[in-house]
Amino acid sequence: MRIERPNQIQPINPYRQQEMKQDETKAKGKGRDQLEISNEALELQRTQETEAERNERIAELKKQVQEGTYHVDAKVIAEALLKKGL
């Protein structure tokens, strides 16, 4: 007759498991921070930049009109109309 010792299974300590998970999280968290900007935010940023440029151009044109130095080039307008098909 052969008698063997039962397999010794050590009870799992839940506190130790939690410590191990925290250590893993800390190890993973040592990387760099990341920032992801949504497409809507990027579009809003582009719109704001274009509005600033547009406002500058409008102010410049108003100044030219008030000073009487604003002149329209008929050729440029005609070419633009032809390109658009109007």
Protein backbone atom coordinates (compact mmCIF):
# COMPACT_ATOMS: atom_id res chain seq x y z
CA MET A 1 0.00 0.00 0.00
CA ARG A 2 1.34 3.37 -1.02
CA ILE A 3 0.35 6.53 0.83
CA GLU A 4 1.13 9.87 -0.74
CA ARG A 5 0.85 13.30 0.68
CA PRO A 6 -2.06 15.27 -0.67
CA ASN A 7 -1.21 18.03 -3.10
CA GLN A 8 -0.64 21.09 -1.04
CA ILE A 9 -2.59 23.93 -2.48
CA GLN A 10 -1.85 27.13 -0.74
CA PRO A 11 -4.80 29.37 -0.13
CA ILE A 12 -4.83 32.46 -2.28
CA ASN A 13 -4.39 35.62 -0.33
CA PRO A 14 -6.75 38.22 -1.86
CA TYR A 15 -4.74 41.08 -0.38
CA ARG A 16 -1.57 39.86 -2.05
CA GLN A 17 -3.39 39.59 -5.37
CA GLN A 18 -4.54 43.19 -5.08
CA GLU A 19 -0.96 44.30 -4.37
CA MET A 20 0.25 42.46 -7.44
CA LYS A 21 -2.39 44.14 -9.61
CA GLN A 22 -1.40 47.56 -8.30
CA ASP A 23 2.26 46.84 -9.00
CA GLU A 24 1.40 45.83 -12.57
CA THR A 25 -0.64 48.99 -13.05
CA LYS A 26 2.18 51.15 -11.75
CA ALA A 27 4.66 49.42 -14.04
CA LYS A 28 2.42 50.04 -17.06
CA GLY A 29 1.73 53.64 -16.05
CA LYS A 30 5.35 54.72 -16.19
CA GLY A 31 5.06 55.49 -19.90
CA ARG A 32 4.30 58.86 -21.39
CA ASP A 33 0.96 60.58 -21.15
CA GLN A 34 -1.07 60.66 -24.32
CA LEU A 35 -3.62 63.11 -25.60
CA GLU A 36 -6.08 62.35 -28.34
CA ILE A 37 -8.04 65.18 -29.91
CA SER A 38 -11.34 64.38 -31.57
CA ASN A 39 -12.05 65.20 -35.20
CA GLU A 40 -14.66 67.74 -34.10
CA ALA A 41 -12.10 69.58 -31.95
CA LEU A 42 -9.61 69.65 -34.82
CA GLU A 43 -12.25 71.03 -37.18
CA LEU A 44 -13.20 73.69 -34.63
CA GLN A 45 -9.57 74.69 -34.29
CA ARG A 46 -9.18 74.99 -38.07
CA THR A 47 -12.37 77.06 -38.28
CA GLN A 48 -11.14 79.47 -35.63
CA GLU A 49 -7.83 79.91 -37.45
CA THR A 50 -9.59 80.58 -40.75
CA GLU A 51 -11.97 83.05 -39.13
CA ALA A 52 -9.03 85.05 -37.78
CA GLU A 53 -7.47 85.18 -41.26
CA ARG A 54 -10.83 86.11 -42.77
CA ASN A 55 -11.35 88.93 -40.26
CA GLU A 56 -7.89 90.30 -41.08
CA ARG A 57 -8.69 90.26 -44.80
CA ILE A 58 -12.05 91.98 -44.22
CA ALA A 59 -10.39 94.71 -42.15
CA GLU A 60 -7.80 95.21 -44.89
CA LEU A 61 -10.49 95.49 -47.58
CA LYS A 62 -12.55 97.94 -45.50
CA LYS A 63 -9.49 100.12 -45.08
CA GLN A 64 -8.82 100.08 -48.84
CA VAL A 65 -12.45 100.97 -49.60
CA GLN A 66 -12.42 103.88 -47.12
CA GLU A 67 -9.14 105.21 -48.54
CA GLY A 68 -10.36 104.79 -52.11
CA THR A 69 -7.49 102.47 -53.06
CA TYR A 70 -9.60 99.34 -53.56
CA HIS A 71 -9.73 98.30 -57.21
CA VAL A 72 -11.35 95.21 -58.65
CA ASP A 73 -9.53 93.34 -61.41
CA ALA A 74 -12.24 92.36 -63.90
CA LYS A 75 -10.09 89.61 -65.43
CA VAL A 76 -9.67 87.85 -62.08
CA ILE A 77 -13.42 87.94 -61.45
CA ALA A 78 -14.21 86.70 -64.98
CA GLU A 79 -11.76 83.81 -64.64
CA ALA A 80 -13.21 82.83 -61.27
CA LEU A 81 -16.74 82.87 -62.69
CA LEU A 82 -15.69 80.70 -65.64
CA LYS A 83 -14.00 78.19 -63.34
CA LYS A 84 -17.16 77.88 -61.25
CA GLY A 85 -19.28 77.53 -64.38
CA LEU A 86 -21.54 80.51 -63.72
